[in-house]
Protein backbone atom coordinates (compact mmCIF):
# COMPACT_ATOMS: atom_id res chain seq x y z
CA MET A 1 15.47 -47.03 56.51
CA GLU A 2 16.53 -49.45 53.38
CA GLY A 3 13.55 -47.91 51.42
CA LEU A 4 14.94 -44.47 52.15
CA ASN A 5 18.42 -45.89 50.94
CA LEU A 6 17.23 -47.11 47.75
CA ILE A 7 15.22 -43.75 46.99
CA SER A 8 18.57 -42.02 48.05
CA THR A 9 20.22 -44.34 45.56
CA PHE A 10 17.59 -43.63 42.83
CA ALA A 11 18.18 -39.98 43.31
CA GLU A 12 21.70 -39.72 43.26
CA PHE A 13 21.85 -41.73 40.02
CA LYS A 14 19.27 -39.40 38.59
CA GLU A 15 21.23 -36.23 39.22
CA LEU A 16 24.84 -37.22 38.99
CA LYS A 17 25.08 -40.14 36.17
CA ASN A 18 25.24 -38.91 32.67
CA ILE A 19 22.45 -41.39 31.55
CA ASP A 20 19.77 -40.31 29.14
CA ARG A 21 16.25 -40.38 30.40
CA PRO A 22 14.68 -43.49 28.20
CA THR A 23 17.54 -45.52 29.48
CA MET A 24 17.32 -44.79 32.92
CA MET A 25 13.55 -45.52 33.02
CA SER A 26 14.23 -49.06 31.24
CA VAL A 27 16.68 -49.90 33.54
CA LEU A 28 14.59 -49.08 36.82
CA GLU A 29 11.46 -50.78 35.25
CA ASP A 30 13.36 -53.93 34.47
CA ILE A 31 14.87 -54.39 37.94
CA PHE A 32 11.76 -53.67 39.53
CA ARG A 33 10.23 -56.20 37.33
CA THR A 34 12.82 -58.89 37.79
CA GLN A 35 12.43 -58.48 41.98
CA LEU A 36 8.37 -58.70 41.56
CA ALA A 37 8.61 -61.79 39.42
CA ARG A 38 10.87 -63.34 42.37
CA MET A 39 8.36 -62.44 44.90
CA TYR A 40 5.29 -63.18 43.02
CA GLY A 41 6.15 -65.73 40.18
CA ASP A 42 4.95 -63.15 37.41
CA ALA A 43 5.33 -59.40 36.96
CA ASP A 44 3.05 -58.84 33.84
CA ASN A 45 0.32 -57.62 35.95
CA PHE A 46 2.08 -54.66 37.50
CA ASP A 47 2.30 -51.20 36.65
CA ILE A 48 5.39 -49.26 37.51
CA ILE A 49 5.38 -45.71 37.50
CA ILE A 50 8.83 -43.68 37.59
CA ASN A 51 9.20 -40.14 38.14
CA ILE A 52 12.85 -39.28 36.92
CA ASP A 53 12.51 -35.67 37.83
CA LYS A 54 11.72 -36.19 41.39
CA GLY A 55 13.50 -39.38 41.76
CA ASP A 56 10.75 -41.66 43.09
CA PHE A 57 8.29 -44.30 41.79
CA GLU A 58 5.05 -45.93 42.58
CA ILE A 59 4.53 -49.69 41.78
CA TRP A 60 0.75 -50.73 41.45
CA ARG A 61 -0.69 -54.49 41.39
CA ASN A 62 -3.61 -55.17 39.16
CA ARG A 63 -5.87 -58.32 40.03
CA SER A 64 -9.34 -59.28 38.69
CA VAL A 65 -12.20 -59.45 41.21
CA VAL A 66 -13.31 -63.04 41.27
CA GLU A 67 -15.76 -64.95 43.21
CA THR A 68 -13.28 -67.66 43.81
CA VAL A 69 -9.43 -67.38 43.68
CA GLU A 70 -7.63 -69.58 41.59
CA ASP A 71 -4.44 -67.21 41.15
CA PRO A 72 -3.61 -65.32 44.12
CA ASN A 73 -1.04 -63.08 42.01
CA LYS A 74 -3.68 -62.05 39.57
CA GLN A 75 -7.07 -62.60 41.20
CA ILE A 76 -8.69 -61.11 44.42
CA SER A 77 -11.81 -62.51 45.97
CA LEU A 78 -14.74 -59.88 46.04
CA GLU A 79 -15.37 -60.83 49.65
CA GLU A 80 -11.65 -59.14 50.27
CA VAL A 81 -12.27 -56.35 47.99
CA LYS A 82 -15.56 -55.47 49.67
CA LYS A 83 -13.68 -54.79 52.86
CA ILE A 84 -11.32 -52.47 50.93
CA ASP A 85 -14.07 -50.80 48.74
CA ASP A 86 -17.49 -51.99 48.23
CA SER A 87 -17.84 -50.31 44.74
CA TYR A 88 -16.05 -53.08 43.01
CA GLU A 89 -17.95 -55.82 41.10
CA ILE A 90 -16.93 -59.11 39.91
CA GLY A 91 -14.78 -59.11 36.52
CA GLU A 92 -13.44 -55.51 37.34
CA GLU A 93 -9.58 -54.74 37.72
CA PHE A 94 -8.86 -53.70 41.46
CA PRO A 95 -5.49 -51.94 41.53
CA GLU A 96 -3.32 -52.15 44.77
CA GLU A 97 -0.14 -50.16 45.50
CA VAL A 98 2.77 -52.28 46.61
CA LYS A 99 4.77 -50.51 49.16
CA LEU A 100 8.39 -50.77 49.20
CA ALA A 101 8.27 -52.27 52.90
CA SER A 102 6.64 -55.19 51.32
CA PHE A 103 9.90 -56.08 49.19
CA GLY A 104 11.50 -56.78 52.51
CA ARG A 105 14.85 -56.01 53.85
CA ARG A 106 16.55 -58.40 51.53
CA GLY A 107 14.65 -57.53 48.72
CA ILE A 108 15.24 -53.94 48.94
CA LEU A 109 18.95 -54.65 49.29
CA ASN A 110 18.95 -56.73 46.08
CA LEU A 111 17.47 -53.78 44.06
CA ARG A 112 19.65 -51.15 45.55
CA GLN A 113 22.64 -53.40 44.32
CA ASN A 114 20.98 -54.47 41.00
CA LEU A 115 20.51 -50.82 40.26
CA SER A 116 23.93 -49.63 41.19
CA SER A 117 25.38 -52.47 39.01
CA ARG A 118 23.25 -51.72 35.96
CA ILE A 119 24.11 -48.44 36.15
CA MET A 120 27.46 -48.85 36.19
CA ASP A 121 27.64 -51.30 33.40
CA ILE A 122 25.71 -48.59 31.44
CA GLU A 123 28.25 -45.78 32.33
CA LYS A 124 31.24 -48.18 31.39
CA ALA A 125 29.55 -48.63 27.85
CA ASN A 126 29.05 -44.80 27.74
CA LEU A 127 32.53 -44.34 28.49
CA PHE A 128 33.71 -46.51 25.99
CA ASN A 129 31.86 -45.42 23.07
CA LYS A 130 32.44 -41.74 24.06
CA TYR A 131 36.31 -42.21 23.79
CA ARG A 132 36.17 -44.68 21.11
CA GLU A 133 35.05 -41.86 18.71
CA LYS A 134 37.66 -39.54 20.44
CA ILE A 135 40.66 -41.67 19.45
CA GLY A 136 43.52 -39.47 17.55
CA GLU A 137 42.07 -36.35 19.47
CA ILE A 138 44.31 -34.57 22.12
CA LEU A 139 43.27 -34.57 25.74
CA VAL A 140 44.44 -32.46 28.66
CA GLY A 141 44.01 -34.16 31.94
CA GLU A 142 45.59 -34.15 35.43
CA VAL A 143 48.19 -36.81 36.78
CA TYR A 144 46.31 -38.40 39.55
CA GLN A 145 48.71 -41.36 40.38
CA THR A 146 52.29 -42.12 39.49
CA TRP A 147 53.95 -45.59 39.05
CA LYS A 148 56.78 -47.26 37.66
CA LYS A 149 55.12 -48.36 34.28
CA GLU A 150 52.42 -46.12 33.76
CA ILE A 151 50.54 -43.15 35.30
CA LEU A 152 46.89 -42.43 35.95
CA VAL A 153 45.38 -39.38 34.40
CA MET A 154 41.86 -37.89 35.20
CA ASP A 155 39.87 -36.04 32.63
CA GLU A 156 37.49 -33.09 33.39
CA ASP A 157 34.64 -35.66 34.31
CA GLY A 158 36.85 -37.59 36.76
CA ASN A 159 37.36 -40.39 34.29
CA GLU A 160 40.44 -42.64 34.41
CA LEU A 161 43.07 -42.73 31.73
CA VAL A 162 46.38 -44.48 31.46
CA LEU A 163 49.54 -43.01 29.89
CA PRO A 164 52.01 -45.75 29.94
CA LYS A 165 55.67 -45.41 30.30
CA THR A 166 56.32 -46.65 26.94
CA GLU A 167 53.99 -44.00 25.45
CA GLN A 168 55.78 -41.07 27.38
CA ILE A 169 58.91 -38.97 26.16
CA PRO A 170 61.93 -40.17 27.74
CA ALA A 171 62.54 -36.87 29.32
CA ASP A 172 58.90 -36.61 30.85
CA ARG A 173 58.75 -36.48 34.69
CA PHE A 174 55.03 -36.01 35.92
CA ARG A 175 54.24 -35.42 39.42
CA LYS A 176 50.70 -35.69 40.97
CA ALA A 177 48.42 -32.79 40.19
CA ASP A 178 50.47 -31.85 36.87
CA THR A 179 48.74 -30.98 33.84
CA VAL A 180 49.32 -33.52 30.99
CA LYS A 181 48.51 -33.16 27.37
CA ALA A 182 48.36 -36.21 25.05
CA VAL A 183 46.56 -38.01 22.39
CA ILE A 184 44.07 -40.71 22.78
CA SER A 185 45.67 -43.56 21.21
CA ASN A 186 43.65 -46.96 22.06
CA VAL A 187 40.38 -47.60 23.80
CA GLU A 188 39.43 -51.27 24.44
CA MET A 189 37.29 -53.35 27.13
CA ARG A 190 39.12 -55.63 29.58
CA ASN A 191 37.29 -57.74 32.01
CA ASN A 192 34.25 -55.44 31.40
CA THR A 193 36.03 -52.08 32.19
CA PRO A 194 37.10 -49.39 29.55
CA ILE A 195 40.77 -48.77 29.37
CA ILE A 196 41.81 -45.55 27.67
CA THR A 197 45.26 -45.16 26.52
CA LEU A 198 46.90 -42.01 25.86
CA SER A 199 50.16 -41.43 24.22
CA ARG A 200 52.86 -38.60 23.58
CA THR A 201 55.12 -40.49 21.40
CA SER A 202 52.70 -41.10 18.62
CA THR A 203 53.13 -39.33 15.61
CA VAL A 204 49.51 -38.36 15.62
CA PHE A 205 50.01 -36.40 18.74
CA LEU A 206 52.73 -34.19 16.78
CA GLU A 207 50.32 -33.78 13.91
CA ARG A 208 47.33 -32.42 16.54
CA LEU A 209 49.86 -30.32 18.03
CA PHE A 210 50.59 -28.58 14.97
CA GLU A 211 46.97 -28.30 14.20
CA GLN A 212 46.46 -26.56 17.27
CA GLU A 213 49.59 -24.06 16.51
CA VAL A 214 49.25 -23.45 12.75
CA PRO A 215 45.85 -22.13 11.56
CA GLU A 216 46.71 -22.95 8.11
CA ILE A 217 46.84 -26.68 8.91
CA PHE A 218 43.50 -26.47 10.79
CA ASP A 219 41.87 -24.77 8.01
CA GLY A 220 43.28 -27.49 5.38
CA LEU A 221 45.36 -24.70 3.52
CA ILE A 222 48.69 -26.77 4.51
CA THR A 223 48.49 -30.57 4.58
CA ILE A 224 50.74 -32.57 6.86
CA LYS A 225 51.88 -35.45 4.42
CA LYS A 226 53.90 -37.65 6.72
CA VAL A 227 55.66 -37.26 10.27
CA VAL A 228 58.35 -39.45 11.43
CA ARG A 229 59.77 -39.37 15.22
CA MET A 230 62.17 -40.61 17.47
CA PRO A 231 60.42 -39.23 20.76
CA GLY A 232 62.56 -36.54 22.70
CA GLU A 233 65.39 -36.51 20.54
CA ARG A 234 64.29 -35.66 16.84
CA ALA A 235 61.33 -35.37 14.24
CA LYS A 236 60.84 -34.44 10.71
CA VAL A 237 57.44 -33.21 9.49
CA ALA A 238 56.79 -33.17 5.59
CA VAL A 239 54.29 -30.50 4.55
CA GLU A 240 52.53 -29.20 1.44
CA SER A 241 50.66 -26.26 0.57
CA TYR A 242 47.61 -26.01 -1.60
CA ASP A 243 47.97 -22.32 -1.73
CA GLU A 244 50.81 -20.93 -3.97
CA ARG A 245 50.93 -17.86 -1.83
CA ILE A 246 51.52 -19.69 1.47
CA ASP A 247 55.13 -20.99 2.36
CA PRO A 248 54.19 -24.20 4.23
CA VAL A 249 57.55 -24.27 6.11
CA GLY A 250 57.46 -20.69 6.94
CA ALA A 251 53.85 -20.91 8.16
CA CYS A 252 54.66 -23.80 10.38
CA VAL A 253 57.63 -22.23 12.08
CA GLY A 254 56.19 -18.77 12.39
CA VAL A 255 57.79 -15.33 12.89
CA LYS A 256 61.13 -16.14 15.04
CA GLY A 257 59.81 -19.46 15.56
CA SER A 258 56.86 -18.55 17.39
CA ARG A 259 54.71 -21.33 16.42
CA ILE A 260 57.05 -24.03 16.40
CA HIS A 261 58.53 -23.25 19.66
CA GLY A 262 55.37 -24.26 21.75
CA ILE A 263 55.52 -27.71 20.06
CA VAL A 264 59.04 -27.96 20.95
CA ARG A 265 58.70 -27.22 24.57
CA GLU A 266 55.93 -29.48 24.93
CA LEU A 267 58.03 -32.38 23.12
CA ARG A 268 60.68 -31.61 25.82
CA ASN A 269 62.80 -29.99 23.25
CA GLU A 270 62.63 -32.24 20.61
CA ASN A 271 64.22 -31.08 17.39
CA ILE A 272 61.65 -30.66 14.66
CA ASP A 273 62.63 -30.33 11.05
CA ILE A 274 60.02 -29.23 8.84
CA ILE A 275 60.49 -30.23 5.20
CA ASN A 276 58.72 -29.41 2.02
CA TRP A 277 57.03 -32.32 0.57
CA THR A 278 57.79 -33.58 -2.98
CA SER A 279 56.84 -36.73 -4.74
CA ASN A 280 60.28 -36.80 -6.02
CA THR A 281 62.26 -39.13 -3.92
CA GLN A 282 65.86 -37.58 -4.66
CA LEU A 283 64.55 -34.14 -3.91
CA LEU A 284 62.92 -35.39 -0.79
CA ILE A 285 66.08 -37.36 0.43
CA GLN A 286 68.31 -34.11 -0.36
CA ARG A 287 65.68 -32.00 1.97
CA ALA A 288 65.49 -34.76 4.59
CA LEU A 289 69.35 -35.26 4.83
CA SER A 290 69.65 -31.50 5.23
CA PRO A 291 72.08 -29.68 6.41
CA ALA A 292 74.22 -32.18 4.70
CA LYS A 293 74.80 -31.42 0.87
CA ILE A 294 74.71 -34.55 -1.03
CA SER A 295 77.18 -35.06 -3.95
CA SER A 296 75.25 -37.87 -5.86
CA MET A 297 72.89 -40.97 -5.02
CA LYS A 298 71.76 -43.92 -6.63
CA ILE A 299 68.33 -45.28 -5.81
CA ASN A 300 67.53 -49.09 -6.23
CA GLU A 301 63.94 -49.43 -6.27
CA ASP A 302 63.80 -53.29 -6.03
CA SER A 303 65.56 -53.42 -2.66
CA LYS A 304 64.47 -49.97 -1.34
CA VAL A 305 67.83 -48.93 -0.64
CA ILE A 306 69.52 -45.41 -1.60
CA ASP A 307 73.26 -45.02 -1.68
CA VAL A 308 73.95 -41.60 -0.97
CA TYR A 309 77.46 -40.20 -1.73
CA LEU A 310 78.83 -36.87 0.40
CA LYS A 311 82.17 -35.31 1.07
CA PRO A 312 83.80 -36.58 4.25
CA SER A 313 83.10 -33.29 5.58
CA GLU A 314 79.25 -33.86 5.33
CA VAL A 315 79.10 -37.19 6.53
CA SER A 316 78.51 -36.54 10.05
CA LEU A 317 76.05 -33.96 9.59
CA ALA A 318 74.25 -36.45 7.09
CA ILE A 319 74.09 -39.09 9.93
CA GLY A 320 73.41 -36.81 12.77
CA LYS A 321 73.55 -37.40 16.64
CA GLY A 322 73.26 -41.22 17.29
CA GLY A 323 72.23 -41.82 13.58
CA SER A 324 68.97 -39.68 14.22
CA ASN A 325 69.19 -37.75 10.83
CA ILE A 326 69.57 -40.67 8.44
CA LYS A 327 67.19 -43.01 10.40
CA LEU A 328 64.45 -40.53 10.30
CA ALA A 329 65.27 -39.32 6.55
CA GLY A 330 65.06 -42.99 5.33
CA MET A 331 61.64 -43.39 7.34
CA LEU A 332 60.31 -40.25 5.73
CA ALA A 333 61.29 -41.49 2.15
CA GLY A 334 60.38 -45.19 2.94
CA TYR A 335 64.16 -46.35 1.74
CA ASP A 336 67.19 -47.64 3.73
CA ILE A 337 69.78 -45.27 3.35
CA GLU A 338 73.58 -46.18 2.94
CA VAL A 339 76.13 -43.22 3.10
CA TYR A 340 79.36 -43.29 1.24
CA ARG A 341 82.29 -40.92 1.50
CA ASP A 342 82.82 -39.40 -2.26
CA VAL A 343 86.09 -41.22 -3.20
CA GLU A 344 87.18 -38.76 -5.82
CA GLU A 345 86.75 -35.88 -3.23
CA ALA A 346 88.48 -37.81 -0.81
CA GLU A 347 91.50 -38.25 -2.81
CA ILE A 348 91.68 -34.72 -3.55
CA GLU A 349 91.12 -33.53 0.17
CA GLU A 350 92.83 -36.46 1.97
CA ASP A 351 95.69 -37.40 -0.18
CA GLU A 352 97.43 -38.63 3.11
CA ASP A 353 94.62 -39.32 5.35
CA VAL A 354 94.52 -42.75 7.24
CA LEU A 355 91.36 -44.68 8.32
CA LEU A 356 90.94 -45.21 12.13
CA GLN A 357 90.98 -48.95 11.88
CA ASP A 358 94.73 -48.60 11.22
CA PHE A 359 95.13 -47.26 14.73
CA SER A 360 93.34 -50.02 16.32
CA ASP A 361 96.85 -51.00 18.24
CA GLU A 362 96.64 -47.58 19.81
CA ILE A 363 93.12 -46.72 20.19
CA GLU A 364 90.49 -48.93 22.00
CA PRO A 365 88.03 -50.40 19.35
CA TRP A 366 85.00 -49.00 21.31
CA VAL A 367 86.60 -45.56 21.01
CA ILE A 368 87.01 -46.18 17.41
CA GLU A 369 83.16 -47.19 16.79
CA ALA A 370 82.11 -44.27 18.93
CA LEU A 371 83.81 -42.14 16.43
CA GLN A 372 82.74 -43.80 13.14
CA ALA A 373 79.06 -43.45 14.46
CA ILE A 374 79.43 -39.94 13.98
CA GLY A 375 80.80 -40.16 10.66
CA CYS A 376 84.45 -39.94 12.01
CA ASP A 377 86.29 -42.59 10.08
CA THR A 378 89.52 -41.23 9.08
CA ALA A 379 92.13 -39.58 11.18
CA LYS A 380 91.79 -36.03 9.52
CA SER A 381 88.12 -36.02 10.02
CA VAL A 382 88.43 -36.64 13.73
CA LEU A 383 91.36 -33.75 13.96
CA ALA A 384 88.99 -31.70 11.92
CA LEU A 385 86.30 -31.32 14.85
CA PRO A 386 86.62 -29.58 18.12
CA VAL A 387 87.21 -31.64 21.09
CA ASP A 388 84.00 -30.53 22.83
CA GLU A 389 81.87 -31.29 19.69
CA ILE A 390 83.24 -34.71 19.61
CA VAL A 391 82.57 -35.25 23.50
CA GLN A 392 79.04 -34.19 22.85
CA ARG A 393 78.21 -35.99 19.76
CA ALA A 394 80.35 -39.16 20.34
CA ASP A 395 79.61 -39.34 24.22
CA LEU A 396 83.20 -39.73 25.11
CA GLU A 397 85.05 -38.37 27.89
CA GLU A 398 87.39 -35.18 27.18
CA GLU A 399 90.34 -37.09 28.20
CA THR A 400 89.72 -39.66 25.62
CA VAL A 401 89.32 -37.50 22.72
CA VAL A 402 92.26 -35.38 23.61
CA GLU A 403 94.35 -38.57 23.79
CA VAL A 404 92.98 -39.80 20.73
CA GLN A 405 93.65 -36.64 18.69
CA LYS A 406 97.28 -36.67 20.16
CA ILE A 407 97.92 -39.99 18.89
CA LEU A 408 96.50 -39.06 15.14
CA LYS A 409 98.51 -35.76 15.28
CA SER A 410 101.72 -37.67 15.93
CA GLU A 411 101.16 -39.92 12.83
CA PHE A 412 101.16 -36.89 10.37
CA GLU A 413 104.05 -35.10 12.09
CA GLU A 414 106.09 -37.96 11.49
């Protein structure tokens, strides 16, 4: 029965496991020789014949025919041979088949366990090498299990991959059997087990999505120069065309946004700004801070800081929701961006304006900070915006905003 189990194990691996023929034969021969060496002390005089196609094998023991036996493993007496076949003479080699049953129950069990263990090690190594070469490529898998800190994803071959919570977009909500698309970000061995990590927050993921959706990028006519992201919120992609006839921004967006809409949906409605790349830092900053219009800027190359001056009405546009626009623009250009209100413009447009800080005795400090975070640092800049816009951008209650505007209006009415 144990012999049948071993042969069935052999056949199973031959049919199901993705292991090349020479490796399989080498592994099988090695485990048989190891077991034979345990049983007989030496396995050099054994021939192991393996039939990979049929999934079976034969083992032959070769012994020299002698008059007097000194080494029973390598020699056999003429008298004993004559009982089996009287055609042999002294000095000839006598082959004898070793039946699987002679290994004993324990020996067969050891063979089966060793075979399973060696095949598993090879499979792990093959899986590691396969995915190490695919780092940076997009993979589509099925969610097999969801946990608090990660989800387990199965690929088309049934291999397990991990998508950590930190590599998921904040709005991602996966359930078992959902299809998930991600980029292979890391492959490593832990305790002799390959750990394949996926990512949906990586900038490489966004690049690969553009390669899938925009043929010009895949063909090399348009190059993605740099990608910066705040996953799930906003991203900026700088592109450049090597063909003057192709508009890189228009090609990436597509007719009526047909190409970019698919990417936005995949990224849970992440806002994506496509920018024409330029090596001119000032021009790049102007494009990156769009739709805000810059009045002037000063670049400090030593400290890598850019001072940007804008009209008061443009400040909130440049900063963006939660400071996302200005952060990404700085990351794209490789500088820290400091925003300043254009004083001369401010004097003309806001001759009697008052700073929000001056209302600290009437308005809570945290409310003032929330308004300043969206670029509203004066009374008139707050009054210039609709209530619902302030509620959405500053994340304040409608009642709070109405009360604040009431206080500010009373200042000018006096």
